[in-house]
Amino acid sequence: MKRDVGYSCDAPKRMLFYYDARTGACQPMLYRGCGGNENKFDSAAECNEICGKKKARNESDLFTEKHGLVGESFDPDIVQPFFNIHLVDECNIPTDADVLDVAKTCEDGCPMNYRCNENNKCCPTKDYICSLPVTSGSEITIFKHYGRYAHQHHLRNCIRFSYFGSGGNFNNFRTYNDCKRFCMDS
């Protein structure tokens, strides 16, 4: 079962663990407070106790399992898009938005406003993130909105806005201080 960090709600974010079938190990994840799947555990010990006996599978096994291509040849370069690591995780973006953009490798260069990080992934620059427009996203639960903060370049400050729980962009921070620390402090 894939990792699912859930969605933001009134419950606080917290560190949980999930079983990563690719590596055969339990990994930490920042759980957003609500939803998600059953692949979440309060501790690494609990995760290992329940899942630790499972055999690690390679990308070929996972791709075959997902797409039913038993006996087909496997080319990791073609399959790479199916093994997505989201930008929020790969680039350590302190956003609270549920943004599903996928981290891409730097092999062909990075798009404008992105730069290559130490893991060879294209990450959006801080200036780009902090210049994105305020976007409320889409409602997950009708009439359920969350107070968040976004940087406004022309005001040189962070402002409060309503976030609907899904989508939006990276210029979305849980607290004023998170926004200020990321966008305004050097």
N, C-alpha and C. Protein backbone atom coordinates (compact mmCIF):
# COMPACT_ATOMS: atom_id res chain seq x y z
N MET A 1 0.85 -1.17 0.00
CA MET A 1 0.00 0.00 0.00
C MET A 1 0.90 1.24 0.00
N LYS A 2 0.53 2.22 -0.81
CA LYS A 2 1.34 3.43 -0.93
C LYS A 2 1.25 4.31 0.31
N ARG A 3 2.21 5.20 0.43
CA ARG A 3 2.19 6.20 1.49
C ARG A 3 1.08 7.19 1.19
N ASP A 4 0.32 7.58 2.22
CA ASP A 4 -0.74 8.57 2.08
C ASP A 4 -0.69 9.46 3.32
N VAL A 5 -0.29 10.72 3.14
CA VAL A 5 -0.11 11.64 4.27
C VAL A 5 -1.43 12.23 4.76
N GLY A 6 -2.56 11.86 4.14
CA GLY A 6 -3.85 12.39 4.56
C GLY A 6 -4.04 13.82 4.10
N TYR A 7 -4.93 14.52 4.76
CA TYR A 7 -5.21 15.91 4.42
C TYR A 7 -5.27 16.75 5.68
N SER A 8 -5.10 18.05 5.52
CA SER A 8 -5.10 18.98 6.64
C SER A 8 -6.51 19.13 7.20
N CYS A 9 -6.60 19.18 8.51
CA CYS A 9 -7.88 19.36 9.19
C CYS A 9 -7.59 20.01 10.55
N ASP A 10 -8.56 19.96 11.45
CA ASP A 10 -8.36 20.56 12.77
C ASP A 10 -7.35 19.80 13.62
N ALA A 11 -7.14 18.53 13.33
CA ALA A 11 -6.15 17.74 14.08
C ALA A 11 -4.74 18.20 13.71
N PRO A 12 -3.81 18.17 14.64
CA PRO A 12 -2.45 18.64 14.34
C PRO A 12 -1.70 17.65 13.44
N LYS A 13 -0.74 18.18 12.69
CA LYS A 13 0.17 17.33 11.93
C LYS A 13 1.03 16.58 12.94
N ARG A 14 1.44 15.37 12.57
CA ARG A 14 2.33 14.63 13.45
C ARG A 14 3.16 13.64 12.66
N MET A 15 4.28 13.26 13.23
CA MET A 15 5.18 12.32 12.58
C MET A 15 4.67 10.91 12.80
N LEU A 16 4.42 10.19 11.71
CA LEU A 16 4.05 8.78 11.76
C LEU A 16 5.03 8.00 10.89
N PHE A 17 4.81 6.71 10.77
CA PHE A 17 5.65 5.86 9.93
C PHE A 17 4.78 5.09 8.96
N TYR A 18 5.34 4.79 7.78
CA TYR A 18 4.65 3.98 6.79
C TYR A 18 5.62 2.94 6.26
N TYR A 19 5.08 1.84 5.74
CA TYR A 19 5.93 0.80 5.17
C TYR A 19 6.16 1.09 3.70
N ASP A 20 7.44 1.19 3.30
CA ASP A 20 7.82 1.45 1.91
C ASP A 20 8.17 0.11 1.27
N ALA A 21 7.31 -0.37 0.38
CA ALA A 21 7.51 -1.68 -0.25
C ALA A 21 8.75 -1.70 -1.13
N ARG A 22 9.14 -0.55 -1.68
CA ARG A 22 10.34 -0.51 -2.53
C ARG A 22 11.59 -0.82 -1.76
N THR A 23 11.71 -0.27 -0.56
CA THR A 23 12.92 -0.46 0.23
C THR A 23 12.78 -1.58 1.25
N GLY A 24 11.55 -1.99 1.52
CA GLY A 24 11.31 -3.01 2.53
C GLY A 24 11.54 -2.48 3.93
N ALA A 25 11.41 -1.17 4.12
CA ALA A 25 11.67 -0.55 5.42
C ALA A 25 10.55 0.41 5.80
N CYS A 26 10.44 0.65 7.08
CA CYS A 26 9.48 1.63 7.58
C CYS A 26 10.14 3.01 7.52
N GLN A 27 9.42 3.98 7.00
CA GLN A 27 9.94 5.32 6.79
C GLN A 27 9.07 6.33 7.53
N PRO A 28 9.66 7.44 7.99
CA PRO A 28 8.85 8.49 8.62
C PRO A 28 8.09 9.30 7.58
N MET A 29 6.95 9.84 7.98
CA MET A 29 6.20 10.76 7.12
C MET A 29 5.49 11.76 8.02
N LEU A 30 5.25 12.95 7.50
CA LEU A 30 4.51 13.96 8.24
C LEU A 30 3.04 13.79 7.87
N TYR A 31 2.27 13.22 8.79
CA TYR A 31 0.84 12.97 8.58
C TYR A 31 0.09 14.28 8.83
N ARG A 32 -0.82 14.63 7.92
CA ARG A 32 -1.50 15.93 7.97
C ARG A 32 -2.66 15.99 8.95
N GLY A 33 -3.03 14.88 9.58
CA GLY A 33 -4.03 14.93 10.64
C GLY A 33 -5.31 14.17 10.39
N CYS A 34 -5.77 14.06 9.15
CA CYS A 34 -7.02 13.36 8.84
C CYS A 34 -6.87 12.54 7.56
N GLY A 35 -7.69 11.49 7.47
CA GLY A 35 -7.71 10.67 6.25
C GLY A 35 -6.49 9.80 6.13
N GLY A 36 -6.12 9.55 4.89
CA GLY A 36 -5.00 8.67 4.63
C GLY A 36 -5.48 7.23 4.49
N ASN A 37 -4.53 6.31 4.41
CA ASN A 37 -4.90 4.90 4.32
C ASN A 37 -4.39 4.17 5.56
N GLU A 38 -4.46 2.85 5.54
CA GLU A 38 -4.06 2.08 6.72
C GLU A 38 -2.55 1.90 6.84
N ASN A 39 -1.79 2.39 5.88
CA ASN A 39 -0.34 2.29 5.93
C ASN A 39 0.23 3.47 6.73
N LYS A 40 -0.15 3.53 8.00
CA LYS A 40 0.37 4.57 8.91
C LYS A 40 0.43 3.98 10.31
N PHE A 41 1.55 4.25 10.98
CA PHE A 41 1.80 3.67 12.28
C PHE A 41 2.36 4.72 13.22
N ASP A 42 2.04 4.60 14.50
CA ASP A 42 2.50 5.57 15.50
C ASP A 42 4.00 5.52 15.74
N SER A 43 4.61 4.37 15.52
CA SER A 43 6.05 4.25 15.77
C SER A 43 6.69 3.34 14.72
N ALA A 44 8.01 3.47 14.59
CA ALA A 44 8.75 2.59 13.69
C ALA A 44 8.65 1.15 14.18
N ALA A 45 8.65 0.97 15.50
CA ALA A 45 8.56 -0.38 16.07
C ALA A 45 7.25 -1.05 15.68
N GLU A 46 6.14 -0.32 15.78
CA GLU A 46 4.84 -0.87 15.40
C GLU A 46 4.81 -1.21 13.91
N CYS A 47 5.34 -0.32 13.09
CA CYS A 47 5.40 -0.54 11.65
C CYS A 47 6.23 -1.79 11.34
N ASN A 48 7.40 -1.90 11.96
CA ASN A 48 8.27 -3.05 11.72
C ASN A 48 7.64 -4.35 12.20
N GLU A 49 6.94 -4.29 13.32
CA GLU A 49 6.29 -5.49 13.86
C GLU A 49 5.23 -6.01 12.89
N ILE A 50 4.46 -5.11 12.30
CA ILE A 50 3.38 -5.51 11.40
C ILE A 50 3.88 -5.78 9.99
N CYS A 51 4.81 -4.98 9.51
CA CYS A 51 5.22 -5.05 8.10
C CYS A 51 6.63 -5.55 7.87
N GLY A 52 7.45 -5.61 8.89
CA GLY A 52 8.87 -5.89 8.74
C GLY A 52 9.21 -7.21 8.09
N LYS A 53 8.31 -8.17 8.13
CA LYS A 53 8.60 -9.48 7.55
C LYS A 53 8.35 -9.52 6.05
N LYS A 54 7.79 -8.45 5.51
CA LYS A 54 7.52 -8.40 4.08
C LYS A 54 8.82 -8.24 3.31
N LYS A 55 8.89 -8.84 2.15
CA LYS A 55 10.08 -8.78 1.30
C LYS A 55 10.11 -7.45 0.55
N ALA A 56 11.28 -6.83 0.53
CA ALA A 56 11.43 -5.60 -0.26
C ALA A 56 11.25 -5.95 -1.73
N ARG A 57 10.54 -5.08 -2.44
CA ARG A 57 10.33 -5.30 -3.87
C ARG A 57 11.03 -4.21 -4.65
N ASN A 58 11.50 -4.56 -5.82
CA ASN A 58 12.18 -3.55 -6.64
C ASN A 58 11.16 -2.82 -7.50
N GLU A 59 11.62 -1.78 -8.20
CA GLU A 59 10.71 -0.97 -9.01
C GLU A 59 10.05 -1.80 -10.10
N SER A 60 10.75 -2.78 -10.64
CA SER A 60 10.18 -3.63 -11.67
C SER A 60 8.98 -4.40 -11.11
N ASP A 61 9.13 -4.98 -9.92
CA ASP A 61 8.02 -5.71 -9.30
C ASP A 61 6.83 -4.79 -9.06
N LEU A 62 7.09 -3.59 -8.55
CA LEU A 62 6.01 -2.66 -8.25
C LEU A 62 5.30 -2.22 -9.52
N PHE A 63 6.06 -1.95 -10.58
CA PHE A 63 5.45 -1.52 -11.83
C PHE A 63 4.60 -2.64 -12.42
N THR A 64 5.15 -3.86 -12.40
CA THR A 64 4.42 -5.01 -12.92
C THR A 64 3.14 -5.22 -12.13
N GLU A 65 3.22 -5.11 -10.81
CA GLU A 65 2.05 -5.29 -9.96
C GLU A 65 0.99 -4.24 -10.26
N LYS A 66 1.41 -3.00 -10.42
CA LYS A 66 0.47 -1.90 -10.63
C LYS A 66 -0.17 -1.96 -12.01
N HIS A 67 0.60 -2.37 -13.03
CA HIS A 67 0.11 -2.27 -14.40
C HIS A 67 -0.13 -3.62 -15.07
N GLY A 68 0.03 -4.72 -14.31
CA GLY A 68 -0.28 -6.03 -14.85
C GLY A 68 0.56 -6.44 -16.04
N LEU A 69 1.84 -6.12 -16.04
CA LEU A 69 2.70 -6.41 -17.18
C LEU A 69 3.61 -7.59 -16.89
N VAL A 70 3.05 -8.69 -16.44
CA VAL A 70 3.85 -9.86 -16.10
C VAL A 70 4.62 -10.31 -17.34
N GLY A 71 5.92 -10.51 -17.18
CA GLY A 71 6.76 -10.97 -18.27
C GLY A 71 7.22 -9.87 -19.21
N GLU A 72 6.75 -8.67 -19.03
CA GLU A 72 7.15 -7.56 -19.90
C GLU A 72 8.55 -7.10 -19.50
N SER A 73 9.27 -6.50 -20.45
CA SER A 73 10.57 -5.93 -20.12
C SER A 73 10.36 -4.65 -19.32
N PHE A 74 11.33 -4.30 -18.52
CA PHE A 74 11.22 -3.16 -17.60
C PHE A 74 12.33 -2.17 -17.89
N ASP A 75 11.97 -0.95 -18.15
CA ASP A 75 12.93 0.12 -18.38
C ASP A 75 12.66 1.22 -17.36
N PRO A 76 13.53 1.39 -16.33
CA PRO A 76 13.27 2.37 -15.29
C PRO A 76 13.12 3.79 -15.81
N ASP A 77 13.75 4.11 -16.95
CA ASP A 77 13.63 5.46 -17.49
C ASP A 77 12.21 5.73 -18.00
N ILE A 78 11.58 4.70 -18.54
CA ILE A 78 10.20 4.85 -19.02
C ILE A 78 9.24 4.85 -17.85
N VAL A 79 9.53 4.04 -16.85
CA VAL A 79 8.63 3.84 -15.73
C VAL A 79 8.74 4.95 -14.68
N GLN A 80 9.81 5.71 -14.68
CA GLN A 80 10.08 6.70 -13.65
C GLN A 80 8.87 7.54 -13.23
N PRO A 81 8.02 8.01 -14.17
CA PRO A 81 6.89 8.82 -13.73
C PRO A 81 5.95 8.12 -12.78
N PHE A 82 5.95 6.79 -12.75
CA PHE A 82 5.04 6.08 -11.87
C PHE A 82 5.57 6.00 -10.44
N PHE A 83 6.83 6.38 -10.22
CA PHE A 83 7.41 6.34 -8.89
C PHE A 83 7.66 7.77 -8.44
N ASN A 84 6.59 8.45 -8.15
CA ASN A 84 6.63 9.88 -7.89
C ASN A 84 7.02 10.19 -6.46
N ILE A 85 7.94 11.12 -6.32
CA ILE A 85 8.22 11.72 -5.03
C ILE A 85 7.76 13.16 -5.18
N HIS A 86 6.86 13.56 -4.33
CA HIS A 86 6.27 14.89 -4.47
C HIS A 86 7.28 15.97 -4.11
N LEU A 87 7.17 17.10 -4.81
CA LEU A 87 8.07 18.24 -4.59
C LEU A 87 8.10 18.67 -3.13
N VAL A 88 6.95 18.67 -2.49
CA VAL A 88 6.88 19.12 -1.09
C VAL A 88 7.87 18.32 -0.24
N ASP A 89 7.93 17.01 -0.46
CA ASP A 89 8.84 16.16 0.32
C ASP A 89 10.27 16.27 -0.18
N GLU A 90 10.47 16.11 -1.47
CA GLU A 90 11.82 16.09 -2.05
C GLU A 90 12.55 17.41 -1.86
N CYS A 91 11.82 18.52 -1.93
CA CYS A 91 12.45 19.84 -1.87
C CYS A 91 12.31 20.49 -0.50
N ASN A 92 11.76 19.78 0.46
CA ASN A 92 11.58 20.30 1.82
C ASN A 92 10.86 21.65 1.82
N ILE A 93 9.77 21.72 1.11
CA ILE A 93 8.98 22.96 1.05
C ILE A 93 8.03 22.95 2.24
N PRO A 94 8.09 23.97 3.09
CA PRO A 94 7.28 23.97 4.31
C PRO A 94 5.84 24.41 4.07
N THR A 95 5.25 24.00 2.97
CA THR A 95 3.89 24.39 2.65
C THR A 95 2.89 23.52 3.39
N ASP A 96 1.70 24.04 3.60
CA ASP A 96 0.63 23.25 4.18
C ASP A 96 -0.36 22.85 3.10
N ALA A 97 -0.12 23.23 1.86
CA ALA A 97 -1.03 22.90 0.76
C ALA A 97 -0.87 21.45 0.35
N ASP A 98 -1.96 20.87 -0.10
CA ASP A 98 -1.95 19.51 -0.62
C ASP A 98 -1.63 19.60 -2.10
N VAL A 99 -0.35 19.84 -2.42
CA VAL A 99 0.11 20.04 -3.79
C VAL A 99 0.74 18.73 -4.27
N LEU A 100 0.26 18.21 -5.38
CA LEU A 100 0.72 16.91 -5.84
C LEU A 100 1.73 16.99 -6.98
N ASP A 101 2.37 18.14 -7.17
CA ASP A 101 3.40 18.25 -8.20
C ASP A 101 4.50 17.23 -7.91
N VAL A 102 5.06 16.66 -8.95
CA VAL A 102 6.04 15.60 -8.82
C VAL A 102 7.45 16.14 -9.05
N ALA A 103 8.39 15.69 -8.22
CA ALA A 103 9.79 16.09 -8.38
C ALA A 103 10.36 15.41 -9.62
N LYS A 104 11.00 16.18 -10.47
CA LYS A 104 11.61 15.66 -11.69
C LYS A 104 13.13 15.77 -11.57
N THR A 105 13.84 14.87 -12.24
CA THR A 105 15.30 14.90 -12.17
C THR A 105 15.83 16.07 -13.00
N CYS A 106 17.06 16.44 -12.71
CA CYS A 106 17.69 17.60 -13.36
C CYS A 106 18.41 17.24 -14.65
N GLU A 107 18.32 16.00 -15.08
CA GLU A 107 19.09 15.53 -16.24
C GLU A 107 18.90 16.39 -17.48
N ASP A 108 17.69 16.83 -17.74
CA ASP A 108 17.42 17.66 -18.92
C ASP A 108 17.37 19.14 -18.58
N GLY A 109 17.88 19.51 -17.42
CA GLY A 109 17.81 20.89 -16.96
C GLY A 109 16.50 21.12 -16.23
N CYS A 110 16.44 22.20 -15.49
CA CYS A 110 15.25 22.52 -14.72
C CYS A 110 14.49 23.65 -15.39
N PRO A 111 13.17 23.68 -15.22
CA PRO A 111 12.38 24.78 -15.80
C PRO A 111 12.73 26.11 -15.13
N MET A 112 12.28 27.19 -15.74
CA MET A 112 12.50 28.51 -15.17
C MET A 112 11.90 28.55 -13.76
N ASN A 113 12.57 29.22 -12.85
CA ASN A 113 12.19 29.37 -11.44
C ASN A 113 12.40 28.11 -10.61
N TYR A 114 13.11 27.12 -11.16
CA TYR A 114 13.46 25.90 -10.44
C TYR A 114 14.97 25.76 -10.48
N ARG A 115 15.53 25.06 -9.49
CA ARG A 115 16.97 24.80 -9.49
C ARG A 115 17.19 23.36 -9.03
N CYS A 116 18.34 22.84 -9.35
CA CYS A 116 18.69 21.46 -9.03
C CYS A 116 19.13 21.37 -7.56
N ASN A 117 18.56 20.42 -6.80
CA ASN A 117 18.98 20.27 -5.41
C ASN A 117 20.04 19.18 -5.29
N GLU A 118 20.47 18.89 -4.06
CA GLU A 118 21.55 17.93 -3.83
C GLU A 118 21.15 16.50 -4.20
N ASN A 119 19.86 16.24 -4.36
CA ASN A 119 19.38 14.91 -4.75
C ASN A 119 19.09 14.82 -6.25
N ASN A 120 19.57 15.81 -7.00
CA ASN A 120 19.38 15.85 -8.45
C ASN A 120 17.90 15.97 -8.85
N LYS A 121 17.14 16.74 -8.07
CA LYS A 121 15.73 17.00 -8.36
C LYS A 121 15.54 18.49 -8.58
N CYS A 122 14.66 18.84 -9.51
CA CYS A 122 14.34 20.25 -9.78
C CYS A 122 13.37 20.75 -8.71
N CYS A 123 13.77 21.78 -7.99
CA CYS A 123 12.94 22.33 -6.91
C CYS A 123 12.64 23.80 -7.20
N PRO A 124 11.42 24.24 -6.87
CA PRO A 124 11.11 25.66 -7.07
C PRO A 124 11.96 26.53 -6.16
N THR A 125 12.36 27.68 -6.67
CA THR A 125 13.17 28.59 -5.85
C THR A 125 12.29 29.25 -4.79
N LYS A 126 12.93 29.69 -3.75
CA LYS A 126 12.23 30.39 -2.67
C LYS A 126 11.53 31.63 -3.21
N ASP A 127 12.22 32.41 -4.06
CA ASP A 127 11.61 33.61 -4.64
C ASP A 127 10.35 33.28 -5.43
N TYR A 128 10.40 32.18 -6.17
CA TYR A 128 9.24 31.77 -6.97
C TYR A 128 8.07 31.38 -6.06
N ILE A 129 8.34 30.54 -5.06
CA ILE A 129 7.28 30.10 -4.14
C ILE A 129 6.63 31.31 -3.49
N CYS A 130 7.44 32.24 -3.02
CA CYS A 130 6.93 33.40 -2.28
C CYS A 130 6.26 34.43 -3.17
N SER A 131 6.39 34.28 -4.50
CA SER A 131 5.73 35.22 -5.42
C SER A 131 4.46 34.64 -6.03
N LEU A 132 4.16 33.37 -5.72
CA LEU A 132 2.94 32.76 -6.26
C LEU A 132 1.71 33.45 -5.70
N PRO A 133 0.63 33.53 -6.49
CA PRO A 133 -0.59 34.19 -6.01
C PRO A 133 -1.27 33.36 -4.93
N VAL A 134 -2.07 34.01 -4.12
CA VAL A 134 -2.87 33.31 -3.11
C VAL A 134 -3.89 32.45 -3.85
N THR A 135 -3.92 31.18 -3.50
CA THR A 135 -4.87 30.25 -4.12
C THR A 135 -5.52 29.42 -3.02
N SER A 136 -6.83 29.49 -2.93
CA SER A 136 -7.55 28.77 -1.88
C SER A 136 -7.69 27.28 -2.13
N GLY A 137 -7.48 26.82 -3.35
CA GLY A 137 -7.59 25.39 -3.65
C GLY A 137 -9.04 24.96 -3.79
N SER A 138 -9.29 23.67 -3.55
CA SER A 138 -10.62 23.08 -3.70
C SER A 138 -11.11 22.56 -2.36
N GLU A 139 -12.41 22.62 -2.15
CA GLU A 139 -12.98 22.12 -0.91
C GLU A 139 -12.93 20.60 -0.86
N ILE A 140 -12.48 20.06 0.26
CA ILE A 140 -12.57 18.63 0.52
C ILE A 140 -13.90 18.37 1.21
N THR A 141 -14.18 19.15 2.22
CA THR A 141 -15.43 19.06 2.97
C THR A 141 -16.16 20.38 2.78
N ILE A 142 -17.42 20.30 2.39
CA ILE A 142 -18.18 21.51 2.12
C ILE A 142 -18.20 22.42 3.35
N PHE A 143 -17.97 23.68 3.13
CA PHE A 143 -17.94 24.73 4.15
C PHE A 143 -16.82 24.56 5.18
N LYS A 144 -15.83 23.73 4.90
CA LYS A 144 -14.71 23.54 5.82
C LYS A 144 -13.50 24.26 5.23
N HIS A 145 -13.11 25.34 5.87
CA HIS A 145 -11.98 26.14 5.39
C HIS A 145 -10.96 26.27 6.52
N TYR A 146 -9.71 26.49 6.14
CA TYR A 146 -8.62 26.57 7.10
C TYR A 146 -7.91 27.91 6.95
N GLY A 147 -7.61 28.55 8.05
CA GLY A 147 -6.85 29.79 8.02
C GLY A 147 -5.39 29.48 7.72
N ARG A 148 -4.85 30.06 6.66
CA ARG A 148 -3.46 29.86 6.29
C ARG A 148 -2.84 31.21 5.95
N TYR A 149 -1.54 31.21 5.71
CA TYR A 149 -0.82 32.45 5.40
C TYR A 149 -0.07 32.29 4.08
N ALA A 150 -0.04 33.37 3.32
CA ALA A 150 0.69 33.41 2.05
C ALA A 150 1.48 34.70 1.99
N HIS A 151 2.64 34.65 1.36
CA HIS A 151 3.46 35.84 1.21
C HIS A 151 2.94 36.69 0.06
N GLN A 152 2.84 37.98 0.28
CA GLN A 152 2.46 38.94 -0.76
C GLN A 152 3.66 39.83 -1.02
N HIS A 153 4.29 39.61 -2.16
CA HIS A 153 5.53 40.31 -2.49
C HIS A 153 5.35 41.83 -2.47
N HIS A 154 4.26 42.31 -3.06
CA HIS A 154 4.05 43.76 -3.15
C HIS A 154 3.81 44.40 -1.78
N LEU A 155 3.36 43.62 -0.80
CA LEU A 155 3.17 44.14 0.56
C LEU A 155 4.40 43.89 1.43
N ARG A 156 5.30 43.04 0.95
CA ARG A 156 6.46 42.60 1.72
C ARG A 156 6.04 42.06 3.08
N ASN A 157 4.96 41.25 3.05
CA ASN A 157 4.44 40.69 4.29
C ASN A 157 3.62 39.44 3.97
N CYS A 158 3.27 38.70 5.00
CA CYS A 158 2.42 37.53 4.86
C CYS A 158 1.01 37.89 5.28
N ILE A 159 0.03 37.41 4.52
CA ILE A 159 -1.37 37.70 4.83
C ILE A 159 -2.13 36.40 5.09
N ARG A 160 -3.21 36.52 5.84
CA ARG A 160 -4.06 35.36 6.15
C ARG A 160 -5.08 35.18 5.03
N PHE A 161 -5.37 33.92 4.69
CA PHE A 161 -6.41 33.62 3.70
C PHE A 161 -7.07 32.29 4.06
N SER A 162 -8.17 31.97 3.41
CA SER A 162 -8.87 30.71 3.63
C SER A 162 -8.39 29.67 2.63
N TYR A 163 -7.97 28.53 3.16
CA TYR A 163 -7.57 27.40 2.32
C TYR A 163 -8.65 26.33 2.44
N PHE A 164 -9.04 25.75 1.31
CA PHE A 164 -10.16 24.80 1.29
C PHE A 164 -9.74 23.35 1.50
N GLY A 165 -8.46 23.07 1.64
CA GLY A 165 -8.02 21.73 2.02
C GLY A 165 -7.37 20.88 0.96
N SER A 166 -7.46 21.27 -0.31
CA SER A 166 -6.86 20.47 -1.38
C SER A 166 -6.41 21.37 -2.51
N GLY A 167 -5.29 21.00 -3.15
CA GLY A 167 -4.80 21.79 -4.28
C GLY A 167 -4.16 23.08 -3.81
N GLY A 168 -4.26 24.10 -4.64
CA GLY A 168 -3.61 25.37 -4.33
C GLY A 168 -2.19 25.35 -4.85
N ASN A 169 -1.33 26.11 -4.19
CA ASN A 169 0.08 26.14 -4.59
C ASN A 169 0.98 26.17 -3.35
N PHE A 170 2.27 26.28 -3.58
CA PHE A 170 3.24 26.19 -2.48
C PHE A 170 3.24 27.40 -1.55
N ASN A 171 2.68 28.53 -1.98
CA ASN A 171 2.64 29.74 -1.15
C ASN A 171 1.46 29.60 -0.18
N ASN A 172 1.61 28.69 0.77
CA ASN A 172 0.55 28.32 1.71
C ASN A 172 1.22 27.80 2.97
N PHE A 173 1.14 28.56 4.04
CA PHE A 173 1.83 28.21 5.28
C PHE A 173 0.84 28.16 6.43
N ARG A 174 1.05 27.22 7.35
CA ARG A 174 0.13 27.02 8.47
C ARG A 174 0.12 28.24 9.41
N THR A 175 1.28 28.86 9.63
CA THR A 175 1.33 30.00 10.55
C THR A 175 2.00 31.20 9.89
N TYR A 176 1.75 32.36 10.47
CA TYR A 176 2.41 33.58 10.01
C TYR A 176 3.92 33.43 10.13
N ASN A 177 4.37 32.87 11.25
CA ASN A 177 5.81 32.71 11.47
C ASN A 177 6.45 31.77 10.47
N ASP A 178 5.75 30.69 10.07
CA ASP A 178 6.28 29.79 9.03
C ASP A 178 6.47 30.56 7.73
N CYS A 179 5.47 31.36 7.37
CA CYS A 179 5.52 32.15 6.14
C CYS A 179 6.66 33.16 6.22
N LYS A 180 6.73 33.88 7.32
CA LYS A 180 7.77 34.90 7.51
C LYS A 180 9.16 34.28 7.47
N ARG A 181 9.32 33.17 8.19
CA ARG A 181 10.63 32.50 8.26
C ARG A 181 11.08 32.06 6.86
N PHE A 182 10.17 31.52 6.06
CA PHE A 182 10.55 31.01 4.75
C PHE A 182 10.73 32.13 3.73
N CYS A 183 9.82 33.10 3.70
CA CYS A 183 9.81 34.10 2.63
C CYS A 183 10.51 35.41 2.96
N MET A 184 10.59 35.77 4.23
CA MET A 184 11.09 37.10 4.57
C MET A 184 12.43 37.10 5.29
N ASP A 185 12.73 36.03 6.00
CA ASP A 185 14.02 35.96 6.70
C ASP A 185 15.09 35.48 5.73
N SER A 186 16.26 36.01 5.86
CA SER A 186 17.36 35.62 4.94
C SER A 186 17.90 34.27 5.24
